[in-house]
Amino acid sequence: MTDAGQLWLKIKEDKIHLECIAVNPDERRKGNGRKLMGYLTELADETNTIVSLEVSTVGSKGMMMPHPVVELGSSKKNKIPVRSLPKWYGKFGFKKTEGYTEKKRTMLYTPKTK
């Protein structure tokens, strides 16, 4: 977590699941999302751990606790369209799974071996 944004992760022994990445509205378009994703992929590489995610828009409904960034709201112009998210995640090495569909949008990051 930084002042600019947050990563919400589920961490198990052999895998990490990215629950949510959120950047505060005032801190968007400054490379903060890229920095957060860099921290995540660096962690995955250092621990040799696969990272999964489900491509979707962020909403606080269904989350276990209120998400402070989501609760702040966001104007439509600041939201990244879901259809462009796979390309954005792809910049960090995430790839669509074989069973990727419009209903199940799973992507995986495979750590780089050193």
PDB file of N, CA and C in Angstrom:
ATOM      1  N   MET A   1       0.840  -1.170   0.000  1.00  0.00           N
ATOM      2  CA  MET A   1       0.000   0.000   0.000  1.00  0.00           C
ATOM      3  C   MET A   1       0.892   1.242   0.000  1.00  0.00           C
ATOM      4  N   THR A   2       0.524   2.211  -0.773  1.00  0.00           N
ATOM      5  CA  THR A   2       1.205   3.497  -0.781  1.00  0.00           C
ATOM      6  C   THR A   2       0.143   4.576  -0.614  1.00  0.00           C
ATOM      7  N   ASP A   3       0.570   5.819  -0.478  1.00  0.00           N
ATOM      8  CA  ASP A   3      -0.396   6.911  -0.409  1.00  0.00           C
ATOM      9  C   ASP A   3      -1.165   7.032  -1.723  1.00  0.00           C
ATOM     10  N   ALA A   4      -0.546   6.554  -2.798  1.00  0.00           N
ATOM     11  CA  ALA A   4      -1.150   6.683  -4.118  1.00  0.00           C
ATOM     12  C   ALA A   4      -2.164   5.589  -4.421  1.00  0.00           C
ATOM     13  N   GLY A   5      -1.998   4.405  -3.838  1.00  0.00           N
ATOM     14  CA  GLY A   5      -2.908   3.326  -4.168  1.00  0.00           C
ATOM     15  C   GLY A   5      -2.662   2.080  -3.345  1.00  0.00           C
ATOM     16  N   GLN A   6      -3.348   1.007  -3.729  1.00  0.00           N
ATOM     17  CA  GLN A   6      -3.290  -0.226  -2.967  1.00  0.00           C
ATOM     18  C   GLN A   6      -3.346  -1.448  -3.866  1.00  0.00           C
ATOM     19  N   LEU A   7      -2.728  -2.515  -3.400  1.00  0.00           N
ATOM     20  CA  LEU A   7      -2.897  -3.848  -3.966  1.00  0.00           C
ATOM     21  C   LEU A   7      -3.559  -4.682  -2.878  1.00  0.00           C
ATOM     22  N   TRP A   8      -4.615  -5.393  -3.228  1.00  0.00           N
ATOM     23  CA  TRP A   8      -5.226  -6.330  -2.297  1.00  0.00           C
ATOM     24  C   TRP A   8      -4.900  -7.716  -2.824  1.00  0.00           C
ATOM     25  N   LEU A   9      -4.231  -8.517  -1.992  1.00  0.00           N
ATOM     26  CA  LEU A   9      -3.775  -9.832  -2.418  1.00  0.00           C
ATOM     27  C   LEU A   9      -4.302 -10.917  -1.494  1.00  0.00           C
ATOM     28  N   LYS A  10      -4.533 -12.107  -2.072  1.00  0.00           N
ATOM     29  CA  LYS A  10      -4.745 -13.321  -1.289  1.00  0.00           C
ATOM     30  C   LYS A  10      -3.464 -14.126  -1.504  1.00  0.00           C
ATOM     31  N   ILE A  11      -2.782 -14.419  -0.416  1.00  0.00           N
ATOM     32  CA  ILE A  11      -1.506 -15.122  -0.538  1.00  0.00           C
ATOM     33  C   ILE A  11      -1.626 -16.484   0.120  1.00  0.00           C
ATOM     34  N   LYS A  12      -1.284 -17.509  -0.655  1.00  0.00           N
ATOM     35  CA  LYS A  12      -1.218 -18.867  -0.141  1.00  0.00           C
ATOM     36  C   LYS A  12       0.214 -19.339  -0.319  1.00  0.00           C
ATOM     37  N   GLU A  13       0.530 -20.504   0.186  1.00  0.00           N
ATOM     38  CA  GLU A  13       1.898 -21.017   0.110  1.00  0.00           C
ATOM     39  C   GLU A  13       2.481 -20.978  -1.294  1.00  0.00           C
ATOM     40  N   ASP A  14       1.706 -21.412  -2.253  1.00  0.00           N
ATOM     41  CA  ASP A  14       2.253 -21.592  -3.594  1.00  0.00           C
ATOM     42  C   ASP A  14       1.672 -20.645  -4.647  1.00  0.00           C
ATOM     43  N   LYS A  15       0.842 -19.681  -4.234  1.00  0.00           N
ATOM     44  CA  LYS A  15       0.284 -18.767  -5.224  1.00  0.00           C
ATOM     45  C   LYS A  15      -0.189 -17.463  -4.589  1.00  0.00           C
ATOM     46  N   ILE A  16      -0.306 -16.469  -5.435  1.00  0.00           N
ATOM     47  CA  ILE A  16      -0.818 -15.162  -5.042  1.00  0.00           C
ATOM     48  C   ILE A  16      -1.987 -14.853  -5.975  1.00  0.00           C
ATOM     49  N   HIS A  17      -3.068 -14.307  -5.428  1.00  0.00           N
ATOM     50  CA  HIS A  17      -4.181 -13.867  -6.262  1.00  0.00           C
ATOM     51  C   HIS A  17      -4.353 -12.368  -6.051  1.00  0.00           C
ATOM     52  N   LEU A  18      -4.295 -11.616  -7.130  1.00  0.00           N
ATOM     53  CA  LEU A  18      -4.525 -10.175  -7.072  1.00  0.00           C
ATOM     54  C   LEU A  18      -6.024  -9.941  -7.019  1.00  0.00           C
ATOM     55  N   GLU A  19      -6.500  -9.542  -5.854  1.00  0.00           N
ATOM     56  CA  GLU A  19      -7.926  -9.260  -5.671  1.00  0.00           C
ATOM     57  C   GLU A  19      -8.299  -7.917  -6.281  1.00  0.00           C
ATOM     58  N   CYS A  20      -7.419  -6.923  -6.076  1.00  0.00           N
ATOM     59  CA  CYS A  20      -7.753  -5.577  -6.518  1.00  0.00           C
ATOM     60  C   CYS A  20      -6.496  -4.723  -6.584  1.00  0.00           C
ATOM     61  N   ILE A  21      -6.408  -3.897  -7.599  1.00  0.00           N
ATOM     62  CA  ILE A  21      -5.417  -2.835  -7.652  1.00  0.00           C
ATOM     63  C   ILE A  21      -6.219  -1.550  -7.794  1.00  0.00           C
ATOM     64  N   ALA A  22      -5.917  -0.576  -6.961  1.00  0.00           N
ATOM     65  CA  ALA A  22      -6.663   0.679  -7.000  1.00  0.00           C
ATOM     66  C   ALA A  22      -5.718   1.846  -6.757  1.00  0.00           C
ATOM     67  N   VAL A  23      -5.866   2.870  -7.556  1.00  0.00           N
ATOM     68  CA  VAL A  23      -5.078   4.089  -7.413  1.00  0.00           C
ATOM     69  C   VAL A  23      -6.035   5.223  -7.060  1.00  0.00           C
ATOM     70  N   ASN A  24      -5.669   5.998  -6.055  1.00  0.00           N
ATOM     71  CA  ASN A  24      -6.503   7.127  -5.645  1.00  0.00           C
ATOM     72  C   ASN A  24      -6.755   8.046  -6.836  1.00  0.00           C
ATOM     73  N   PRO A  25      -7.948   8.573  -6.971  1.00  0.00           N
ATOM     74  CA  PRO A  25      -8.278   9.410  -8.127  1.00  0.00           C
ATOM     75  C   PRO A  25      -7.292  10.548  -8.392  1.00  0.00           C
ATOM     76  N   ASP A  26      -6.817  11.204  -7.349  1.00  0.00           N
ATOM     77  CA  ASP A  26      -5.881  12.320  -7.542  1.00  0.00           C
ATOM     78  C   ASP A  26      -4.489  11.869  -7.968  1.00  0.00           C
ATOM     79  N   GLU A  27      -4.205  10.585  -7.864  1.00  0.00           N
ATOM     80  CA  GLU A  27      -2.869  10.057  -8.166  1.00  0.00           C
ATOM     81  C   GLU A  27      -2.814   9.267  -9.468  1.00  0.00           C
ATOM     82  N   ARG A  28      -3.893   9.285 -10.223  1.00  0.00           N
ATOM     83  CA  ARG A  28      -3.930   8.529 -11.476  1.00  0.00           C
ATOM     84  C   ARG A  28      -3.169   9.244 -12.575  1.00  0.00           C
ATOM     85  N   ARG A  29      -2.761   8.453 -13.559  1.00  0.00           N
ATOM     86  CA  ARG A  29      -2.024   8.952 -14.723  1.00  0.00           C
ATOM     87  C   ARG A  29      -0.654   9.521 -14.350  1.00  0.00           C
ATOM     88  N   LYS A  30      -0.076   8.957 -13.281  1.00  0.00           N
ATOM     89  CA  LYS A  30       1.249   9.374 -12.839  1.00  0.00           C
ATOM     90  C   LYS A  30       2.194   8.174 -12.737  1.00  0.00           C
ATOM     91  N   GLY A  31       1.755   7.027 -13.235  1.00  0.00           N
ATOM     92  CA  GLY A  31       2.593   5.827 -13.195  1.00  0.00           C
ATOM     93  C   GLY A  31       2.477   5.029 -11.911  1.00  0.00           C
ATOM     94  N   ASN A  32       1.525   5.376 -11.054  1.00  0.00           N
ATOM     95  CA  ASN A  32       1.397   4.675  -9.774  1.00  0.00           C
ATOM     96  C   ASN A  32       0.874   3.249  -9.925  1.00  0.00           C
ATOM     97  N   GLY A  33      -0.050   3.015 -10.845  1.00  0.00           N
ATOM     98  CA  GLY A  33      -0.518   1.656 -11.099  1.00  0.00           C
ATOM     99  C   GLY A  33       0.614   0.789 -11.607  1.00  0.00           C
ATOM    100  N   ARG A  34       1.435   1.352 -12.479  1.00  0.00           N
ATOM    101  CA  ARG A  34       2.592   0.633 -13.017  1.00  0.00           C
ATOM    102  C   ARG A  34       3.570   0.275 -11.878  1.00  0.00           C
ATOM    103  N   LYS A  35       3.789   1.203 -10.951  1.00  0.00           N
ATOM    104  CA  LYS A  35       4.681   0.932  -9.820  1.00  0.00           C
ATOM    105  C   LYS A  35       4.136  -0.195  -8.948  1.00  0.00           C
ATOM    106  N   LEU A  36       2.834  -0.147  -8.662  1.00  0.00           N
ATOM    107  CA  LEU A  36       2.224  -1.192  -7.843  1.00  0.00           C
ATOM    108  C   LEU A  36       2.347  -2.562  -8.511  1.00  0.00           C
ATOM    109  N   MET A  37       2.090  -2.608  -9.816  1.00  0.00           N
ATOM    110  CA  MET A  37       2.227  -3.879 -10.534  1.00  0.00           C
ATOM    111  C   MET A  37       3.686  -4.334 -10.553  1.00  0.00           C
ATOM    112  N   GLY A  38       4.605  -3.382 -10.610  1.00  0.00           N
ATOM    113  CA  GLY A  38       6.029  -3.726 -10.547  1.00  0.00           C
ATOM    114  C   GLY A  38       6.391  -4.373  -9.220  1.00  0.00           C
ATOM    115  N   TYR A  39       5.839  -3.841  -8.119  1.00  0.00           N
ATOM    116  CA  TYR A  39       6.082  -4.446  -6.800  1.00  0.00           C
ATOM    117  C   TYR A  39       5.559  -5.881  -6.767  1.00  0.00           C
ATOM    118  N   LEU A  40       4.377  -6.080  -7.342  1.00  0.00           N
ATOM    119  CA  LEU A  40       3.766  -7.408  -7.336  1.00  0.00           C
ATOM    120  C   LEU A  40       4.578  -8.404  -8.155  1.00  0.00           C
ATOM    121  N   THR A  41       4.964  -8.026  -9.367  1.00  0.00           N
ATOM    122  CA  THR A  41       5.717  -8.969 -10.202  1.00  0.00           C
ATOM    123  C   THR A  41       7.111  -9.216  -9.630  1.00  0.00           C
ATOM    124  N   GLU A  42       7.697  -8.222  -8.981  1.00  0.00           N
ATOM    125  CA  GLU A  42       9.000  -8.407  -8.326  1.00  0.00           C
ATOM    126  C   GLU A  42       8.878  -9.425  -7.187  1.00  0.00           C
ATOM    127  N   LEU A  43       7.809  -9.301  -6.401  1.00  0.00           N
ATOM    128  CA  LEU A  43       7.550 -10.258  -5.326  1.00  0.00           C
ATOM    129  C   LEU A  43       7.391 -11.668  -5.894  1.00  0.00           C
ATOM    130  N   ALA A  44       6.622 -11.781  -6.966  1.00  0.00           N
ATOM    131  CA  ALA A  44       6.402 -13.088  -7.595  1.00  0.00           C
ATOM    132  C   ALA A  44       7.714 -13.683  -8.090  1.00  0.00           C
ATOM    133  N   ASP A  45       8.547 -12.858  -8.714  1.00  0.00           N
ATOM    134  CA  ASP A  45       9.830 -13.343  -9.218  1.00  0.00           C
ATOM    135  C   ASP A  45      10.746 -13.778  -8.078  1.00  0.00           C
ATOM    136  N   GLU A  46      10.811 -12.988  -7.022  1.00  0.00           N
ATOM    137  CA  GLU A  46      11.691 -13.297  -5.891  1.00  0.00           C
ATOM    138  C   GLU A  46      11.266 -14.546  -5.145  1.00  0.00           C
ATOM    139  N   THR A  47       9.964 -14.803  -5.097  1.00  0.00           N
ATOM    140  CA  THR A  47       9.465 -15.965  -4.359  1.00  0.00           C
ATOM    141  C   THR A  47       9.091 -17.123  -5.281  1.00  0.00           C
ATOM    142  N   ASN A  48       9.303 -16.929  -6.601  1.00  0.00           N
ATOM    143  CA  ASN A  48       8.966 -17.945  -7.601  1.00  0.00           C
ATOM    144  C   ASN A  48       7.506 -18.404  -7.440  1.00  0.00           C
ATOM    145  N   THR A  49       6.602 -17.415  -7.375  1.00  0.00           N
ATOM    146  CA  THR A  49       5.185 -17.675  -7.128  1.00  0.00           C
ATOM    147  C   THR A  49       4.332 -17.159  -8.278  1.00  0.00           C
ATOM    148  N   ILE A  50       3.420 -17.988  -8.758  1.00  0.00           N
ATOM    149  CA  ILE A  50       2.486 -17.604  -9.819  1.00  0.00           C
ATOM    150  C   ILE A  50       1.456 -16.631  -9.244  1.00  0.00           C
ATOM    151  N   VAL A  51       1.072 -15.631 -10.038  1.00  0.00           N
ATOM    152  CA  VAL A  51       0.040 -14.668  -9.639  1.00  0.00           C
ATOM    153  C   VAL A  51      -1.142 -14.814 -10.591  1.00  0.00           C
ATOM    154  N   SER A  52      -2.339 -14.891 -10.033  1.00  0.00           N
ATOM    155  CA  SER A  52      -3.554 -14.945 -10.848  1.00  0.00           C
ATOM    156  C   SER A  52      -4.382 -13.697 -10.586  1.00  0.00           C
ATOM    157  N   LEU A  53      -5.279 -13.403 -11.519  1.00  0.00           N
ATOM    158  CA  LEU A  53      -6.224 -12.305 -11.351  1.00  0.00           C
ATOM    159  C   LEU A  53      -7.427 -12.569 -12.224  1.00  0.00           C
ATOM    160  N   GLU A  54      -8.535 -11.940 -11.870  1.00  0.00           N
ATOM    161  CA  GLU A  54      -9.749 -11.962 -12.677  1.00  0.00           C
ATOM    162  C   GLU A  54      -9.952 -10.545 -13.192  1.00  0.00           C
ATOM    163  N   VAL A  55     -10.025 -10.376 -14.491  1.00  0.00           N
ATOM    164  CA  VAL A  55     -10.219  -9.054 -15.079  1.00  0.00           C
ATOM    165  C   VAL A  55     -11.654  -8.618 -14.830  1.00  0.00           C
ATOM    166  N   SER A  56     -11.817  -7.482 -14.137  1.00  0.00           N
ATOM    167  CA  SER A  56     -13.152  -6.945 -13.891  1.00  0.00           C
ATOM    168  C   SER A  56     -13.014  -5.505 -13.431  1.00  0.00           C
ATOM    169  N   THR A  57     -14.151  -4.816 -13.395  1.00  0.00           N
ATOM    170  CA  THR A  57     -14.145  -3.475 -12.838  1.00  0.00           C
ATOM    171  C   THR A  57     -14.201  -3.596 -11.325  1.00  0.00           C
ATOM    172  N   VAL A  58     -13.785  -2.559 -10.655  1.00  0.00           N
ATOM    173  CA  VAL A  58     -13.778  -2.566  -9.199  1.00  0.00           C
ATOM    174  C   VAL A  58     -15.089  -2.000  -8.682  1.00  0.00           C
ATOM    175  N   GLY A  59     -15.636  -2.673  -7.711  1.00  0.00           N
ATOM    176  CA  GLY A  59     -16.821  -2.191  -7.028  1.00  0.00           C
ATOM    177  C   GLY A  59     -16.780  -2.713  -5.612  1.00  0.00           C
ATOM    178  N   SER A  60     -17.334  -1.988  -4.692  1.00  0.00           N
ATOM    179  CA  SER A  60     -17.258  -2.434  -3.304  1.00  0.00           C
ATOM    180  C   SER A  60     -18.297  -3.507  -2.976  1.00  0.00           C
ATOM    181  N   LYS A  61     -19.287  -3.694  -3.845  1.00  0.00           N
ATOM    182  CA  LYS A  61     -20.300  -4.721  -3.599  1.00  0.00           C
ATOM    183  C   LYS A  61     -19.641  -6.098  -3.665  1.00  0.00           C
ATOM    184  N   GLY A  62     -19.866  -6.898  -2.670  1.00  0.00           N
ATOM    185  CA  GLY A  62     -19.307  -8.233  -2.650  1.00  0.00           C
ATOM    186  C   GLY A  62     -17.924  -8.308  -2.021  1.00  0.00           C
ATOM    187  N   MET A  63     -17.321  -7.173  -1.699  1.00  0.00           N
ATOM    188  CA  MET A  63     -16.022  -7.208  -1.048  1.00  0.00           C
ATOM    189  C   MET A  63     -16.243  -7.446   0.445  1.00  0.00           C
ATOM    190  N   MET A  64     -15.284  -8.101   1.079  1.00  0.00           N
ATOM    191  CA  MET A  64     -15.428  -8.450   2.485  1.00  0.00           C
ATOM    192  C   MET A  64     -15.436  -7.220   3.396  1.00  0.00           C
ATOM    193  N   MET A  65     -14.782  -6.161   2.984  1.00  0.00           N
ATOM    194  CA  MET A  65     -14.761  -4.941   3.774  1.00  0.00           C
ATOM    195  C   MET A  65     -14.785  -3.760   2.821  1.00  0.00           C
ATOM    196  N   PRO A  66     -15.190  -2.590   3.278  1.00  0.00           N
ATOM    197  CA  PRO A  66     -15.240  -1.435   2.384  1.00  0.00           C
ATOM    198  C   PRO A  66     -13.861  -1.138   1.811  1.00  0.00           C
ATOM    199  N   HIS A  67     -13.810  -0.861   0.558  1.00  0.00           N
ATOM    200  CA  HIS A  67     -12.558  -0.534  -0.113  1.00  0.00           C
ATOM    201  C   HIS A  67     -12.422   0.983  -0.119  1.00  0.00           C
ATOM    202  N   PRO A  68     -11.413   1.536   0.582  1.00  0.00           N
ATOM    203  CA  PRO A  68     -11.328   2.990   0.712  1.00  0.00           C
ATOM    204  C   PRO A  68     -11.181   3.724  -0.612  1.00  0.00           C
ATOM    205  N   VAL A  69     -10.495   3.147  -1.568  1.00  0.00           N
ATOM    206  CA  VAL A  69     -10.326   3.823  -2.849  1.00  0.00           C
ATOM    207  C   VAL A  69     -11.622   3.789  -3.640  1.00  0.00           C
ATOM    208  N   VAL A  70     -12.294   2.651  -3.640  1.00  0.00           N
ATOM    209  CA  VAL A  70     -13.568   2.523  -4.355  1.00  0.00           C
ATOM    210  C   VAL A  70     -14.591   3.468  -3.755  1.00  0.00           C
ATOM    211  N   GLU A  71     -14.622   3.553  -2.439  1.00  0.00           N
ATOM    212  CA  GLU A  71     -15.606   4.387  -1.764  1.00  0.00           C
ATOM    213  C   GLU A  71     -15.447   5.866  -2.143  1.00  0.00           C
ATOM    214  N   LEU A  72     -14.239   6.280  -2.545  1.00  0.00           N
ATOM    215  CA  LEU A  72     -14.027   7.663  -2.953  1.00  0.00           C
ATOM    216  C   LEU A  72     -14.745   7.977  -4.261  1.00  0.00           C
ATOM    217  N   GLY A  73     -15.025   6.933  -5.022  1.00  0.00           N
ATOM    218  CA  GLY A  73     -15.675   7.139  -6.315  1.00  0.00           C
ATOM    219  C   GLY A  73     -14.668   7.562  -7.364  1.00  0.00           C
ATOM    220  N   SER A  74     -15.120   7.620  -8.572  1.00  0.00           N
ATOM    221  CA  SER A  74     -14.241   7.941  -9.679  1.00  0.00           C
ATOM    222  C   SER A  74     -15.094   8.415 -10.831  1.00  0.00           C
ATOM    223  N   SER A  75     -14.617   9.428 -11.509  1.00  0.00           N
ATOM    224  CA  SER A  75     -15.374   9.887 -12.665  1.00  0.00           C
ATOM    225  C   SER A  75     -15.198   8.886 -13.801  1.00  0.00           C
ATOM    226  N   LYS A  76     -16.132   8.867 -14.710  1.00  0.00           N
ATOM    227  CA  LYS A  76     -16.095   7.926 -15.820  1.00  0.00           C
ATOM    228  C   LYS A  76     -14.810   8.061 -16.625  1.00  0.00           C
ATOM    229  N   LYS A  77     -14.304   9.278 -16.778  1.00  0.00           N
ATOM    230  CA  LYS A  77     -13.099   9.481 -17.585  1.00  0.00           C
ATOM    231  C   LYS A  77     -11.861   8.859 -16.944  1.00  0.00           C
ATOM    232  N   ASN A  78     -11.893   8.587 -15.635  1.00  0.00           N
ATOM    233  CA  ASN A  78     -10.749   7.996 -14.955  1.00  0.00           C
ATOM    234  C   ASN A  78     -10.789   6.473 -14.907  1.00  0.00           C
ATOM    235  N   LYS A  79     -11.876   5.875 -15.340  1.00  0.00           N
ATOM    236  CA  LYS A  79     -11.995   4.427 -15.273  1.00  0.00           C
ATOM    237  C   LYS A  79     -11.410   3.791 -16.532  1.00  0.00           C
ATOM    238  N   ILE A  80     -10.703   2.688 -16.328  1.00  0.00           N
ATOM    239  CA  ILE A  80     -10.147   1.946 -17.460  1.00  0.00           C
ATOM    240  C   ILE A  80     -11.221   0.966 -17.916  1.00  0.00           C
ATOM    241  N   PRO A  81     -11.608   0.981 -19.189  1.00  0.00           N
ATOM    242  CA  PRO A  81     -12.617   0.026 -19.661  1.00  0.00           C
ATOM    243  C   PRO A  81     -12.127  -1.417 -19.507  1.00  0.00           C
ATOM    244  N   VAL A  82     -13.018  -2.307 -19.089  1.00  0.00           N
ATOM    245  CA  VAL A  82     -12.656  -3.712 -18.878  1.00  0.00           C
ATOM    246  C   VAL A  82     -12.000  -4.303 -20.121  1.00  0.00           C
ATOM    247  N   ARG A  83     -12.490  -3.956 -21.302  1.00  0.00           N
ATOM    248  CA  ARG A  83     -11.948  -4.556 -22.536  1.00  0.00           C
ATOM    249  C   ARG A  83     -10.467  -4.213 -22.745  1.00  0.00           C
ATOM    250  N   SER A  84      -9.981  -3.117 -22.144  1.00  0.00           N
ATOM    251  CA  SER A  84      -8.581  -2.750 -22.321  1.00  0.00           C
ATOM    252  C   SER A  84      -7.680  -3.283 -21.200  1.00  0.00           C
ATOM    253  N   LEU A  85      -8.269  -3.834 -20.147  1.00  0.00           N
ATOM    254  CA  LEU A  85      -7.463  -4.323 -19.029  1.00  0.00           C
ATOM    255  C   LEU A  85      -6.527  -5.479 -19.388  1.00  0.00           C
ATOM    256  N   PRO A  86      -6.968  -6.480 -20.190  1.00  0.00           N
ATOM    257  CA  PRO A  86      -6.021  -7.542 -20.532  1.00  0.00           C
ATOM    258  C   PRO A  86      -4.741  -7.004 -21.184  1.00  0.00           C
ATOM    259  N   LYS A  87      -4.875  -6.024 -22.030  1.00  0.00           N
ATOM    260  CA  LYS A  87      -3.700  -5.427 -22.673  1.00  0.00           C
ATOM    261  C   LYS A  87      -2.813  -4.749 -21.623  1.00  0.00           C
ATOM    262  N   TRP A  88      -3.436  -4.045 -20.676  1.00  0.00           N
ATOM    263  CA  TRP A  88      -2.672  -3.361 -19.630  1.00  0.00           C
ATOM    264  C   TRP A  88      -1.945  -4.372 -18.753  1.00  0.00           C
ATOM    265  N   TYR A  89      -2.654  -5.415 -18.300  1.00  0.00           N
ATOM    266  CA  TYR A  89      -2.013  -6.458 -17.491  1.00  0.00           C
ATOM    267  C   TYR A  89      -0.933  -7.183 -18.296  1.00  0.00           C
ATOM    268  N   GLY A  90      -1.153  -7.320 -19.597  1.00  0.00           N
ATOM    269  CA  GLY A  90      -0.169  -7.976 -20.461  1.00  0.00           C
ATOM    270  C   GLY A  90       1.172  -7.257 -20.468  1.00  0.00           C
ATOM    271  N   LYS A  91       1.173  -5.952 -20.269  1.00  0.00           N
ATOM    272  CA  LYS A  91       2.422  -5.187 -20.216  1.00  0.00           C
ATOM    273  C   LYS A  91       3.321  -5.648 -19.070  1.00  0.00           C
ATOM    274  N   PHE A  92       2.723  -6.289 -18.070  1.00  0.00           N
ATOM    275  CA  PHE A  92       3.475  -6.746 -16.905  1.00  0.00           C
ATOM    276  C   PHE A  92       3.762  -8.244 -16.954  1.00  0.00           C
ATOM    277  N   GLY A  93       3.406  -8.880 -18.062  1.00  0.00           N
ATOM    278  CA  GLY A  93       3.699 -10.302 -18.220  1.00  0.00           C
ATOM    279  C   GLY A  93       2.536 -11.228 -17.942  1.00  0.00           C
ATOM    280  N   PHE A  94       1.359 -10.686 -17.662  1.00  0.00           N
ATOM    281  CA  PHE A  94       0.182 -11.535 -17.447  1.00  0.00           C
ATOM    282  C   PHE A  94      -0.320 -12.033 -18.793  1.00  0.00           C
ATOM    283  N   LYS A  95      -0.760 -13.284 -18.818  1.00  0.00           N
ATOM    284  CA  LYS A  95      -1.292 -13.879 -20.038  1.00  0.00           C
ATOM    285  C   LYS A  95      -2.673 -14.470 -19.741  1.00  0.00           C
ATOM    286  N   LYS A  96      -3.545 -14.391 -20.740  1.00  0.00           N
ATOM    287  CA  LYS A  96      -4.877 -14.990 -20.602  1.00  0.00           C
ATOM    288  C   LYS A  96      -4.720 -16.496 -20.456  1.00  0.00           C
ATOM    289  N   THR A  97      -5.536 -17.092 -19.590  1.00  0.00           N
ATOM    290  CA  THR A  97      -5.510 -18.543 -19.444  1.00  0.00           C
ATOM    291  C   THR A  97      -6.186 -19.180 -20.647  1.00  0.00           C
ATOM    292  N   GLU A  98      -5.977 -20.464 -20.798  1.00  0.00           N
ATOM    293  CA  GLU A  98      -6.569 -21.191 -21.927  1.00  0.00           C
ATOM    294  C   GLU A  98      -8.091 -21.119 -21.906  1.00  0.00           C
ATOM    295  N   GLY A  99      -8.684 -21.105 -20.712  1.00  0.00           N
ATOM    296  CA  GLY A  99     -10.142 -21.063 -20.583  1.00  0.00           C
ATOM    297  C   GLY A  99     -10.700 -19.652 -20.460  1.00  0.00           C
ATOM    298  N   TYR A 100      -9.968 -18.635 -20.889  1.00  0.00           N
ATOM    299  CA  TYR A 100     -10.406 -17.245 -20.788  1.00  0.00           C
ATOM    300  C   TYR A 100     -11.658 -17.022 -21.631  1.00  0.00           C
ATOM    301  N   THR A 101     -12.711 -16.528 -20.985  1.00  0.00           N
ATOM    302  CA  THR A 101     -13.956 -16.194 -21.681  1.00  0.00           C
ATOM    303  C   THR A 101     -14.459 -14.859 -21.148  1.00  0.00           C
ATOM    304  N   GLU A 102     -15.523 -14.354 -21.724  1.00  0.00           N
ATOM    305  CA  GLU A 102     -16.101 -13.099 -21.242  1.00  0.00           C
ATOM    306  C   GLU A 102     -16.673 -13.237 -19.831  1.00  0.00           C
ATOM    307  N   LYS A 103     -17.009 -14.465 -19.426  1.00  0.00           N
ATOM    308  CA  LYS A 103     -17.544 -14.670 -18.080  1.00  0.00           C
ATOM    309  C   LYS A 103     -16.450 -15.024 -17.077  1.00  0.00           C
ATOM    310  N   LYS A 104     -15.407 -15.652 -17.538  1.00  0.00           N
ATOM    311  CA  LYS A 104     -14.294 -16.046 -16.655  1.00  0.00           C
ATOM    312  C   LYS A 104     -13.008 -15.503 -17.254  1.00  0.00           C
ATOM    313  N   ARG A 105     -12.643 -14.327 -16.845  1.00  0.00           N
ATOM    314  CA  ARG A 105     -11.497 -13.603 -17.411  1.00  0.00           C
ATOM    315  C   ARG A 105     -10.265 -13.763 -16.526  1.00  0.00           C
ATOM    316  N   THR A 106      -9.712 -14.961 -16.492  1.00  0.00           N
ATOM    317  CA  THR A 106      -8.554 -15.238 -15.649  1.00  0.00           C
ATOM    318  C   THR A 106      -7.263 -15.014 -16.435  1.00  0.00           C
ATOM    319  N   MET A 107      -6.306 -14.354 -15.759  1.00  0.00           N
ATOM    320  CA  MET A 107      -4.978 -14.150 -16.339  1.00  0.00           C
ATOM    321  C   MET A 107      -3.950 -14.606 -15.305  1.00  0.00           C
ATOM    322  N   LEU A 108      -2.784 -15.064 -15.806  1.00  0.00           N
ATOM    323  CA  LEU A 108      -1.726 -15.541 -14.926  1.00  0.00           C
ATOM    324  C   LEU A 108      -0.401 -14.859 -15.238  1.00  0.00           C
ATOM    325  N   TYR A 109       0.364 -14.644 -14.192  1.00  0.00           N
ATOM    326  CA  TYR A 109       1.748 -14.177 -14.327  1.00  0.00           C
ATOM    327  C   TYR A 109       2.631 -15.324 -13.857  1.00  0.00           C
ATOM    328  N   THR A 110       3.529 -15.756 -14.723  1.00  0.00           N
ATOM    329  CA  THR A 110       4.493 -16.793 -14.370  1.00  0.00           C
ATOM    330  C   THR A 110       5.806 -16.106 -14.043  1.00  0.00           C
ATOM    331  N   PRO A 111       6.346 -16.385 -12.845  1.00  0.00           N
ATOM    332  CA  PRO A 111       7.569 -15.693 -12.447  1.00  0.00           C
ATOM    333  C   PRO A 111       8.746 -15.970 -13.377  1.00  0.00           C
ATOM    334  N   LYS A 112       9.593 -14.966 -13.493  1.00  0.00           N
ATOM    335  CA  LYS A 112      10.817 -15.112 -14.293  1.00  0.00           C
ATOM    336  C   LYS A 112      11.839 -15.848 -13.454  1.00  0.00           C
ATOM    337  N   THR A 113      12.483 -16.822 -14.045  1.00  0.00           N
ATOM    338  CA  THR A 113      13.526 -17.557 -13.329  1.00  0.00           C
ATOM    339  C   THR A 113      14.827 -16.770 -13.410  1.00  0.00           C
ATOM    340  N   LYS A 114      15.570 -16.856 -12.340  1.00  0.00           N
ATOM    341  CA  LYS A 114      16.817 -16.097 -12.277  1.00  0.00           C
ATOM    342  C   LYS A 114      18.009 -16.991 -12.529  1.00  0.00           C
TER     343      LYS A 114
END
